[in-house]
Amino acid sequence: MDPYLIKKMTDKTLYIYASQCIFVCAIIYGYQGIHLENVHKWIGIVASIAILLYKSQRILDEDFLLWFIAYLVTKYPEVEANLVTINYGVGMACSYFEGYLVHVIPSDGAKFVGFEENMDIYAAKQGIVFPVKRLFIIITKSMYCPPDLKHFNKANRDDLPYLEACQSLEEIEKDVAGVKNRTYRNSAYKIYRPDKPPVYLSAECATPLHTLHRVLQKTAIYEDLAKVNVPEVVSDFCRTLSSIISKSPECRDKCELVYYDDTDPKANLASILLDKIRDLEPNFENLKNE
């Protein structure tokens, strides 16, 4: 056979296999993405392919792409499940921030004075002290949120601190998304302690997680959510919301995320909140109402 023809066929074969390699790499990239931690692996793969092409070696046989596509098909449900889980936690955190926190934390420059000043007004009227002027957002491990935080108190344990609801802070009224005079209201609580004065704070649960918790109790209706990974959702929600708040000049240092393992019979929410207050304001015992 003509040497030129042989060379041309060889070049065509190499071109085909090189195209297949590029195609496979593109699939892998779309499947898992290239991150800093695995760049060195990609460099090794590309270098190996380059050497084989230079040496005119056969890289892939004809069945490889079919085998690889079949593998991706079998992995697709797992990938899809992970994406759903991540999207739920991240999405709910963004929705909670933009749909709620931005309405109750910063001043709107008109009708609402802002969360900190709202706490000052309430404290002056009630003759109390808020040692920490932040909204404590309770994130439970199970995502369950009771209508009153007192349900997390330990029964028959007079030696432990416990929560009791107070009158709510002044309500906030805004026109939002076509709803006229929509109202928002933050709750105030006091923590009773054995032989010590009560400690006041504003606290509430993260309602998006509570909504998802209710949904997961009705998987016969919401079948697509039956396999949601709750720990991952909670983790993604906490991580994302914390990051968003830290990047917001208007909300930074005005919200405090508190993780509470409500499945642990030894965990006491009031004690956890006291520890958090102590961390944020070590001198809180000596603060007086001004």
C-alpha atoms as a PDB file:
ATOM      1  CA  MET A   1       0.000   0.000   0.000  1.00  0.00           C
ATOM      2  CA  ASP A   2       1.089   3.521  -0.727  1.00  0.00           C
ATOM      3  CA  PRO A   3       3.050   4.898   2.304  1.00  0.00           C
ATOM      4  CA  TYR A   4       1.320   8.248   1.868  1.00  0.00           C
ATOM      5  CA  LEU A   5      -2.111   6.566   2.037  1.00  0.00           C
ATOM      6  CA  ILE A   6      -1.053   4.610   5.144  1.00  0.00           C
ATOM      7  CA  LYS A   7       0.113   7.806   6.822  1.00  0.00           C
ATOM      8  CA  LYS A   8      -3.123   9.555   5.906  1.00  0.00           C
ATOM      9  CA  MET A   9      -5.226   6.696   7.356  1.00  0.00           C
ATOM     10  CA  THR A  10      -3.098   6.699  10.498  1.00  0.00           C
ATOM     11  CA  ASP A  11      -3.537  10.441  10.903  1.00  0.00           C
ATOM     12  CA  LYS A  12      -7.285  10.054  10.443  1.00  0.00           C
ATOM     13  CA  THR A  13      -7.402   7.295  13.070  1.00  0.00           C
ATOM     14  CA  LEU A  14      -5.429   9.407  15.498  1.00  0.00           C
ATOM     15  CA  TYR A  15      -7.729  12.323  14.807  1.00  0.00           C
ATOM     16  CA  ILE A  16     -10.768  10.189  15.584  1.00  0.00           C
ATOM     17  CA  TYR A  17      -9.295   8.907  18.829  1.00  0.00           C
ATOM     18  CA  ALA A  18      -8.167  12.375  19.820  1.00  0.00           C
ATOM     19  CA  SER A  19     -11.708  13.644  19.209  1.00  0.00           C
ATOM     20  CA  GLN A  20     -13.050  10.810  21.353  1.00  0.00           C
ATOM     21  CA  CYS A  21     -10.675  11.744  24.144  1.00  0.00           C
ATOM     22  CA  ILE A  22     -11.739  15.370  24.005  1.00  0.00           C
ATOM     23  CA  PHE A  23     -15.385  14.282  24.028  1.00  0.00           C
ATOM     24  CA  VAL A  24     -14.869  12.048  27.060  1.00  0.00           C
ATOM     25  CA  CYS A  25     -13.006  14.801  28.906  1.00  0.00           C
ATOM     26  CA  ALA A  26     -15.854  17.196  28.149  1.00  0.00           C
ATOM     27  CA  ILE A  27     -18.348  14.724  29.604  1.00  0.00           C
ATOM     28  CA  ILE A  28     -16.256  14.268  32.746  1.00  0.00           C
ATOM     29  CA  TYR A  29     -15.916  18.025  33.100  1.00  0.00           C
ATOM     30  CA  GLY A  30     -19.658  18.458  32.907  1.00  0.00           C
ATOM     31  CA  TYR A  31     -20.148  15.566  35.297  1.00  0.00           C
ATOM     32  CA  GLN A  32     -17.906  16.675  38.157  1.00  0.00           C
ATOM     33  CA  GLY A  33     -16.232  19.953  37.207  1.00  0.00           C
ATOM     34  CA  ILE A  34     -12.576  20.837  37.461  1.00  0.00           C
ATOM     35  CA  HIS A  35     -11.598  22.020  40.908  1.00  0.00           C
ATOM     36  CA  LEU A  36      -8.305  23.154  42.333  1.00  0.00           C
ATOM     37  CA  GLU A  37      -7.941  19.924  44.275  1.00  0.00           C
ATOM     38  CA  ASN A  38      -8.028  17.710  41.152  1.00  0.00           C
ATOM     39  CA  VAL A  39      -6.244  19.881  38.569  1.00  0.00           C
ATOM     40  CA  HIS A  40      -3.066  17.808  38.968  1.00  0.00           C
ATOM     41  CA  LYS A  41      -5.033  14.702  37.937  1.00  0.00           C
ATOM     42  CA  TRP A  42      -6.223  16.426  34.774  1.00  0.00           C
ATOM     43  CA  ILE A  43      -2.716  17.519  33.929  1.00  0.00           C
ATOM     44  CA  GLY A  44      -1.612  13.890  34.218  1.00  0.00           C
ATOM     45  CA  ILE A  45      -4.469  12.685  31.988  1.00  0.00           C
ATOM     46  CA  VAL A  46      -3.779  15.289  29.288  1.00  0.00           C
ATOM     47  CA  ALA A  47      -0.045  14.574  29.385  1.00  0.00           C
ATOM     48  CA  SER A  48      -0.641  10.812  29.033  1.00  0.00           C
ATOM     49  CA  ILE A  49      -2.938  11.334  26.056  1.00  0.00           C
ATOM     50  CA  ALA A  50      -0.376  13.611  24.408  1.00  0.00           C
ATOM     51  CA  ILE A  51       2.384  10.997  24.791  1.00  0.00           C
ATOM     52  CA  LEU A  52       0.221   8.215  23.389  1.00  0.00           C
ATOM     53  CA  LEU A  53      -0.788  10.354  20.427  1.00  0.00           C
ATOM     54  CA  TYR A  54       2.857  11.256  19.788  1.00  0.00           C
ATOM     55  CA  LYS A  55       3.784   7.569  19.851  1.00  0.00           C
ATOM     56  CA  SER A  56       0.837   6.742  17.559  1.00  0.00           C
ATOM     57  CA  GLN A  57      -0.667   4.342  20.098  1.00  0.00           C
ATOM     58  CA  ARG A  58      -4.285   3.279  20.173  1.00  0.00           C
ATOM     59  CA  ILE A  59      -6.000   5.056  23.083  1.00  0.00           C
ATOM     60  CA  LEU A  60      -9.621   3.900  23.065  1.00  0.00           C
ATOM     61  CA  ASP A  61     -11.236   0.890  21.533  1.00  0.00           C
ATOM     62  CA  GLU A  62     -14.545   1.131  19.701  1.00  0.00           C
ATOM     63  CA  ASP A  63     -16.672   0.104  22.678  1.00  0.00           C
ATOM     64  CA  PHE A  64     -15.215   2.549  25.171  1.00  0.00           C
ATOM     65  CA  LEU A  65     -17.644   5.403  24.592  1.00  0.00           C
ATOM     66  CA  LEU A  66     -20.632   3.094  24.816  1.00  0.00           C
ATOM     67  CA  TRP A  67     -19.284   1.680  28.068  1.00  0.00           C
ATOM     68  CA  PHE A  68     -18.604   5.153  29.475  1.00  0.00           C
ATOM     69  CA  ILE A  69     -22.046   6.480  28.533  1.00  0.00           C
ATOM     70  CA  ALA A  70     -23.637   3.443  30.173  1.00  0.00           C
ATOM     71  CA  TYR A  71     -21.641   4.176  33.324  1.00  0.00           C
ATOM     72  CA  LEU A  72     -22.861   7.791  33.387  1.00  0.00           C
ATOM     73  CA  VAL A  73     -26.443   6.617  32.950  1.00  0.00           C
ATOM     74  CA  THR A  74     -26.146   4.354  35.992  1.00  0.00           C
ATOM     75  CA  LYS A  75     -24.629   7.208  38.018  1.00  0.00           C
ATOM     76  CA  TYR A  76     -27.196   9.806  36.934  1.00  0.00           C
ATOM     77  CA  PRO A  77     -29.773   9.126  39.715  1.00  0.00           C
ATOM     78  CA  GLU A  78     -27.069   9.576  42.352  1.00  0.00           C
ATOM     79  CA  VAL A  79     -25.846  12.813  40.782  1.00  0.00           C
ATOM     80  CA  GLU A  80     -29.390  14.119  40.409  1.00  0.00           C
ATOM     81  CA  ALA A  81     -30.182  13.331  44.050  1.00  0.00           C
ATOM     82  CA  ASN A  82     -27.104  15.227  45.211  1.00  0.00           C
ATOM     83  CA  LEU A  83     -27.997  18.231  43.099  1.00  0.00           C
ATOM     84  CA  VAL A  84     -31.534  18.325  44.498  1.00  0.00           C
ATOM     85  CA  THR A  85     -30.236  18.177  48.069  1.00  0.00           C
ATOM     86  CA  ILE A  86     -27.720  20.947  47.527  1.00  0.00           C
ATOM     87  CA  ASN A  87     -30.203  23.129  45.688  1.00  0.00           C
ATOM     88  CA  TYR A  88     -32.777  22.839  48.452  1.00  0.00           C
ATOM     89  CA  GLY A  89     -30.464  23.962  51.255  1.00  0.00           C
ATOM     90  CA  VAL A  90     -28.869  26.752  49.246  1.00  0.00           C
ATOM     91  CA  GLY A  91     -32.145  27.862  47.670  1.00  0.00           C
ATOM     92  CA  MET A  92     -34.002  28.019  50.963  1.00  0.00           C
ATOM     93  CA  ALA A  93     -31.207  30.040  52.564  1.00  0.00           C
ATOM     94  CA  CYS A  94     -31.299  32.589  49.739  1.00  0.00           C
ATOM     95  CA  SER A  95     -35.092  32.745  49.856  1.00  0.00           C
ATOM     96  CA  TYR A  96     -35.096  33.171  53.645  1.00  0.00           C
ATOM     97  CA  PHE A  97     -32.601  36.009  53.445  1.00  0.00           C
ATOM     98  CA  GLU A  98     -34.165  37.898  50.536  1.00  0.00           C
ATOM     99  CA  GLY A  99     -37.775  37.112  51.415  1.00  0.00           C
ATOM    100  CA  TYR A 100     -37.592  37.706  55.167  1.00  0.00           C
ATOM    101  CA  LEU A 101     -34.368  38.925  56.788  1.00  0.00           C
ATOM    102  CA  VAL A 102     -33.962  41.921  54.489  1.00  0.00           C
ATOM    103  CA  HIS A 103     -37.430  43.047  55.618  1.00  0.00           C
ATOM    104  CA  VAL A 104     -36.910  42.712  59.376  1.00  0.00           C
ATOM    105  CA  ILE A 105     -33.225  43.556  59.935  1.00  0.00           C
ATOM    106  CA  PRO A 106     -32.157  46.741  58.082  1.00  0.00           C
ATOM    107  CA  SER A 107     -33.949  50.068  58.258  1.00  0.00           C
ATOM    108  CA  ASP A 108     -35.906  50.944  55.129  1.00  0.00           C
ATOM    109  CA  GLY A 109     -35.232  54.645  55.666  1.00  0.00           C
ATOM    110  CA  ALA A 110     -38.934  55.352  55.959  1.00  0.00           C
ATOM    111  CA  LYS A 111     -41.459  53.415  58.057  1.00  0.00           C
ATOM    112  CA  PHE A 112     -39.150  50.838  59.672  1.00  0.00           C
ATOM    113  CA  VAL A 113     -36.280  51.915  61.919  1.00  0.00           C
ATOM    114  CA  GLY A 114     -34.355  48.645  61.749  1.00  0.00           C
ATOM    115  CA  PHE A 115     -34.045  45.627  64.022  1.00  0.00           C
ATOM    116  CA  GLU A 116     -31.555  47.057  66.541  1.00  0.00           C
ATOM    117  CA  GLU A 117     -33.529  50.249  67.099  1.00  0.00           C
ATOM    118  CA  ASN A 118     -36.724  48.213  67.270  1.00  0.00           C
ATOM    119  CA  MET A 119     -35.150  46.240  70.117  1.00  0.00           C
ATOM    120  CA  ASP A 120     -34.129  49.493  71.855  1.00  0.00           C
ATOM    121  CA  ILE A 121     -37.690  50.828  71.626  1.00  0.00           C
ATOM    122  CA  TYR A 122     -39.090  47.587  73.011  1.00  0.00           C
ATOM    123  CA  ALA A 123     -36.536  47.433  75.845  1.00  0.00           C
ATOM    124  CA  ALA A 124     -37.309  51.025  76.875  1.00  0.00           C
ATOM    125  CA  LYS A 125     -41.041  50.364  76.959  1.00  0.00           C
ATOM    126  CA  GLN A 126     -40.697  47.101  78.880  1.00  0.00           C
ATOM    127  CA  GLY A 127     -37.922  48.269  81.196  1.00  0.00           C
ATOM    128  CA  ILE A 128     -35.634  45.388  80.267  1.00  0.00           C
ATOM    129  CA  VAL A 129     -32.191  44.815  78.740  1.00  0.00           C
ATOM    130  CA  PHE A 130     -31.290  42.834  75.639  1.00  0.00           C
ATOM    131  CA  PRO A 131     -27.642  41.888  76.317  1.00  0.00           C
ATOM    132  CA  VAL A 132     -27.183  40.959  72.653  1.00  0.00           C
ATOM    133  CA  LYS A 133     -29.026  42.918  69.972  1.00  0.00           C
ATOM    134  CA  ARG A 134     -29.182  40.173  67.409  1.00  0.00           C
ATOM    135  CA  LEU A 135     -31.902  37.962  66.016  1.00  0.00           C
ATOM    136  CA  PHE A 136     -31.123  34.420  67.157  1.00  0.00           C
ATOM    137  CA  ILE A 137     -32.116  32.035  64.365  1.00  0.00           C
ATOM    138  CA  ILE A 138     -32.627  28.510  65.687  1.00  0.00           C
ATOM    139  CA  ILE A 139     -31.750  25.740  63.247  1.00  0.00           C
ATOM    140  CA  THR A 140     -32.787  22.324  64.485  1.00  0.00           C
ATOM    141  CA  LYS A 141     -31.224  19.063  63.418  1.00  0.00           C
ATOM    142  CA  SER A 142     -34.601  17.506  62.556  1.00  0.00           C
ATOM    143  CA  MET A 143     -35.896  20.748  60.941  1.00  0.00           C
ATOM    144  CA  TYR A 144     -38.886  20.614  63.312  1.00  0.00           C
ATOM    145  CA  CYS A 145     -39.949  24.019  64.649  1.00  0.00           C
ATOM    146  CA  PRO A 146     -42.606  24.237  67.377  1.00  0.00           C
ATOM    147  CA  PRO A 147     -45.075  27.145  67.528  1.00  0.00           C
ATOM    148  CA  ASP A 148     -43.429  28.226  70.811  1.00  0.00           C
ATOM    149  CA  LEU A 149     -39.789  27.682  71.782  1.00  0.00           C
ATOM    150  CA  LYS A 150     -40.912  26.665  75.261  1.00  0.00           C
ATOM    151  CA  HIS A 151     -41.636  23.235  73.761  1.00  0.00           C
ATOM    152  CA  PHE A 152     -37.872  22.687  73.767  1.00  0.00           C
ATOM    153  CA  ASN A 153     -37.713  23.145  77.544  1.00  0.00           C
ATOM    154  CA  LYS A 154     -36.834  20.068  79.590  1.00  0.00           C
ATOM    155  CA  ALA A 155     -39.793  18.884  81.621  1.00  0.00           C
ATOM    156  CA  ASN A 156     -39.350  18.417  85.361  1.00  0.00           C
ATOM    157  CA  ARG A 157     -35.855  19.930  85.323  1.00  0.00           C
ATOM    158  CA  ASP A 158     -35.994  22.952  87.617  1.00  0.00           C
ATOM    159  CA  ASP A 159     -32.214  22.982  87.725  1.00  0.00           C
ATOM    160  CA  LEU A 160     -31.988  23.933  84.046  1.00  0.00           C
ATOM    161  CA  PRO A 161     -32.664  27.289  82.371  1.00  0.00           C
ATOM    162  CA  TYR A 162     -35.908  27.467  80.410  1.00  0.00           C
ATOM    163  CA  LEU A 163     -37.549  29.718  77.824  1.00  0.00           C
ATOM    164  CA  GLU A 164     -40.756  31.698  78.068  1.00  0.00           C
ATOM    165  CA  ALA A 165     -42.284  33.896  75.375  1.00  0.00           C
ATOM    166  CA  CYS A 166     -42.791  37.623  75.967  1.00  0.00           C
ATOM    167  CA  GLN A 167     -44.786  40.197  74.079  1.00  0.00           C
ATOM    168  CA  SER A 168     -43.491  40.467  70.519  1.00  0.00           C
ATOM    169  CA  LEU A 169     -41.435  43.371  69.232  1.00  0.00           C
ATOM    170  CA  GLU A 170     -43.178  46.156  67.337  1.00  0.00           C
ATOM    171  CA  GLU A 171     -44.591  44.778  64.106  1.00  0.00           C
ATOM    172  CA  ILE A 172     -43.215  45.835  60.737  1.00  0.00           C
ATOM    173  CA  GLU A 173     -45.609  46.755  57.956  1.00  0.00           C
ATOM    174  CA  LYS A 174     -44.558  46.822  54.306  1.00  0.00           C
ATOM    175  CA  ASP A 175     -45.984  46.481  50.802  1.00  0.00           C
ATOM    176  CA  VAL A 176     -44.324  43.365  49.362  1.00  0.00           C
ATOM    177  CA  ALA A 177     -44.899  41.529  46.073  1.00  0.00           C
ATOM    178  CA  GLY A 178     -48.374  42.962  45.579  1.00  0.00           C
ATOM    179  CA  VAL A 179     -49.406  42.347  49.184  1.00  0.00           C
ATOM    180  CA  LYS A 180     -50.426  45.634  50.783  1.00  0.00           C
ATOM    181  CA  ASN A 181     -49.567  46.284  54.423  1.00  0.00           C
ATOM    182  CA  ARG A 182     -47.895  42.940  54.938  1.00  0.00           C
ATOM    183  CA  THR A 183     -46.807  42.539  58.559  1.00  0.00           C
ATOM    184  CA  TYR A 184     -43.682  40.968  60.049  1.00  0.00           C
ATOM    185  CA  ARG A 185     -43.137  40.403  63.738  1.00  0.00           C
ATOM    186  CA  ASN A 186     -40.106  39.212  65.718  1.00  0.00           C
ATOM    187  CA  SER A 187     -40.577  37.330  68.961  1.00  0.00           C
ATOM    188  CA  ALA A 188     -38.993  38.177  72.286  1.00  0.00           C
ATOM    189  CA  TYR A 189     -38.177  35.524  74.888  1.00  0.00           C
ATOM    190  CA  LYS A 190     -36.751  35.473  78.356  1.00  0.00           C
ATOM    191  CA  ILE A 191     -34.585  32.738  79.773  1.00  0.00           C
ATOM    192  CA  TYR A 192     -35.331  31.930  83.377  1.00  0.00           C
ATOM    193  CA  ARG A 193     -32.362  30.754  85.435  1.00  0.00           C
ATOM    194  CA  PRO A 194     -32.203  29.251  88.917  1.00  0.00           C
ATOM    195  CA  ASP A 195     -31.466  32.014  91.453  1.00  0.00           C
ATOM    196  CA  LYS A 196     -30.576  34.586  88.791  1.00  0.00           C
ATOM    197  CA  PRO A 197     -32.429  37.340  86.884  1.00  0.00           C
ATOM    198  CA  PRO A 198     -33.968  36.364  83.514  1.00  0.00           C
ATOM    199  CA  VAL A 199     -32.091  37.073  80.296  1.00  0.00           C
ATOM    200  CA  TYR A 200     -33.938  38.587  77.335  1.00  0.00           C
ATOM    201  CA  LEU A 201     -33.398  37.936  73.646  1.00  0.00           C
ATOM    202  CA  SER A 202     -35.164  37.853  70.307  1.00  0.00           C
ATOM    203  CA  ALA A 203     -35.273  34.352  68.852  1.00  0.00           C
ATOM    204  CA  GLU A 204     -37.153  32.270  66.311  1.00  0.00           C
ATOM    205  CA  CYS A 205     -36.756  29.167  64.201  1.00  0.00           C
ATOM    206  CA  ALA A 206     -35.805  29.098  60.527  1.00  0.00           C
ATOM    207  CA  THR A 207     -39.235  28.770  58.936  1.00  0.00           C
ATOM    208  CA  PRO A 208     -38.091  27.398  55.513  1.00  0.00           C
ATOM    209  CA  LEU A 209     -36.683  24.309  57.241  1.00  0.00           C
ATOM    210  CA  HIS A 210     -39.922  23.934  59.177  1.00  0.00           C
ATOM    211  CA  THR A 211     -41.865  24.070  55.906  1.00  0.00           C
ATOM    212  CA  LEU A 212     -39.681  21.355  54.380  1.00  0.00           C
ATOM    213  CA  HIS A 213     -40.103  19.291  57.560  1.00  0.00           C
ATOM    214  CA  ARG A 214     -43.887  19.454  57.105  1.00  0.00           C
ATOM    215  CA  VAL A 215     -43.540  18.474  53.452  1.00  0.00           C
ATOM    216  CA  LEU A 216     -41.450  15.431  54.345  1.00  0.00           C
ATOM    217  CA  GLN A 217     -44.222  14.241  56.658  1.00  0.00           C
ATOM    218  CA  LYS A 218     -46.454  13.953  53.586  1.00  0.00           C
ATOM    219  CA  THR A 219     -44.306  12.098  51.080  1.00  0.00           C
ATOM    220  CA  ALA A 220     -47.394  10.376  49.724  1.00  0.00           C
ATOM    221  CA  ILE A 221     -48.291  13.784  48.288  1.00  0.00           C
ATOM    222  CA  TYR A 222     -44.783  15.118  47.660  1.00  0.00           C
ATOM    223  CA  GLU A 223     -43.242  11.940  46.236  1.00  0.00           C
ATOM    224  CA  ASP A 224     -40.352  13.709  44.501  1.00  0.00           C
ATOM    225  CA  LEU A 225     -38.983  14.857  47.863  1.00  0.00           C
ATOM    226  CA  ALA A 226     -39.128  11.511  49.639  1.00  0.00           C
ATOM    227  CA  LYS A 227     -35.367  10.953  49.314  1.00  0.00           C
ATOM    228  CA  VAL A 228     -34.210  14.384  50.450  1.00  0.00           C
ATOM    229  CA  ASN A 229     -31.119  14.105  52.640  1.00  0.00           C
ATOM    230  CA  VAL A 230     -32.079  16.134  55.715  1.00  0.00           C
ATOM    231  CA  PRO A 231     -28.582  16.471  57.269  1.00  0.00           C
ATOM    232  CA  GLU A 232     -27.177  17.773  53.984  1.00  0.00           C
ATOM    233  CA  VAL A 233     -30.054  20.219  53.564  1.00  0.00           C
ATOM    234  CA  VAL A 234     -29.526  21.586  57.088  1.00  0.00           C
ATOM    235  CA  SER A 235     -25.764  21.813  56.542  1.00  0.00           C
ATOM    236  CA  ASP A 236     -26.151  23.612  53.199  1.00  0.00           C
ATOM    237  CA  PHE A 237     -28.744  25.960  54.674  1.00  0.00           C
ATOM    238  CA  CYS A 238     -26.506  26.902  57.618  1.00  0.00           C
ATOM    239  CA  ARG A 239     -23.401  27.327  55.489  1.00  0.00           C
ATOM    240  CA  THR A 240     -25.118  29.405  52.810  1.00  0.00           C
ATOM    241  CA  LEU A 241     -27.122  31.614  55.163  1.00  0.00           C
ATOM    242  CA  SER A 242     -24.065  32.295  57.318  1.00  0.00           C
ATOM    243  CA  SER A 243     -22.076  33.262  54.227  1.00  0.00           C
ATOM    244  CA  ILE A 244     -24.814  35.563  52.900  1.00  0.00           C
ATOM    245  CA  ILE A 245     -25.246  37.334  56.235  1.00  0.00           C
ATOM    246  CA  SER A 246     -21.496  37.844  56.628  1.00  0.00           C
ATOM    247  CA  LYS A 247     -21.370  39.507  53.200  1.00  0.00           C
ATOM    248  CA  SER A 248     -24.311  41.829  53.877  1.00  0.00           C
ATOM    249  CA  PRO A 249     -23.309  45.160  55.504  1.00  0.00           C
ATOM    250  CA  GLU A 250     -26.920  45.693  56.603  1.00  0.00           C
ATOM    251  CA  CYS A 251     -27.357  42.291  58.289  1.00  0.00           C
ATOM    252  CA  ARG A 252     -23.839  41.406  59.405  1.00  0.00           C
ATOM    253  CA  ASP A 253     -23.539  41.112  63.222  1.00  0.00           C
ATOM    254  CA  LYS A 254     -27.310  41.463  63.576  1.00  0.00           C
ATOM    255  CA  CYS A 255     -28.221  37.783  63.155  1.00  0.00           C
ATOM    256  CA  GLU A 256     -26.851  34.796  65.026  1.00  0.00           C
ATOM    257  CA  LEU A 257     -27.320  31.236  63.786  1.00  0.00           C
ATOM    258  CA  VAL A 258     -27.786  28.696  66.576  1.00  0.00           C
ATOM    259  CA  TYR A 259     -27.648  25.007  65.740  1.00  0.00           C
ATOM    260  CA  TYR A 260     -29.694  22.859  68.109  1.00  0.00           C
ATOM    261  CA  ASP A 261     -29.734  19.072  68.107  1.00  0.00           C
ATOM    262  CA  ASP A 262     -33.356  18.556  69.085  1.00  0.00           C
ATOM    263  CA  THR A 263     -32.884  14.786  68.784  1.00  0.00           C
ATOM    264  CA  ASP A 264     -30.450  14.755  71.718  1.00  0.00           C
ATOM    265  CA  PRO A 265     -32.387  14.285  74.992  1.00  0.00           C
ATOM    266  CA  LYS A 266     -29.537  15.918  76.916  1.00  0.00           C
ATOM    267  CA  ALA A 267     -29.426  19.105  74.830  1.00  0.00           C
ATOM    268  CA  ASN A 268     -31.225  22.119  76.321  1.00  0.00           C
ATOM    269  CA  LEU A 269     -31.930  25.037  73.992  1.00  0.00           C
ATOM    270  CA  ALA A 270     -32.080  27.643  76.771  1.00  0.00           C
ATOM    271  CA  SER A 271     -28.624  26.595  77.983  1.00  0.00           C
ATOM    272  CA  ILE A 272     -27.238  26.732  74.433  1.00  0.00           C
ATOM    273  CA  LEU A 273     -28.642  30.241  73.950  1.00  0.00           C
ATOM    274  CA  LEU A 274     -27.140  31.388  77.245  1.00  0.00           C
ATOM    275  CA  ASP A 275     -23.748  30.071  76.182  1.00  0.00           C
ATOM    276  CA  LYS A 276     -24.076  31.911  72.884  1.00  0.00           C
ATOM    277  CA  ILE A 277     -25.007  35.156  74.658  1.00  0.00           C
ATOM    278  CA  ARG A 278     -22.051  34.719  77.002  1.00  0.00           C
ATOM    279  CA  ASP A 279     -19.712  34.262  74.044  1.00  0.00           C
ATOM    280  CA  LEU A 280     -21.011  37.392  72.327  1.00  0.00           C
ATOM    281  CA  GLU A 281     -21.231  39.531  75.468  1.00  0.00           C
ATOM    282  CA  PRO A 282     -19.098  38.166  78.331  1.00  0.00           C
ATOM    283  CA  ASN A 283     -20.177  41.063  80.581  1.00  0.00           C
ATOM    284  CA  PHE A 284     -23.917  40.548  80.023  1.00  0.00           C
ATOM    285  CA  GLU A 285     -24.621  39.924  83.729  1.00  0.00           C
ATOM    286  CA  ASN A 286     -23.634  43.498  84.565  1.00  0.00           C
ATOM    287  CA  LEU A 287     -25.544  45.296  81.819  1.00  0.00           C
ATOM    288  CA  LYS A 288     -28.204  47.720  83.024  1.00  0.00           C
ATOM    289  CA  ASN A 289     -31.149  49.236  81.224  1.00  0.00           C
ATOM    290  CA  GLU A 290     -30.298  52.724  80.017  1.00  0.00           C
END
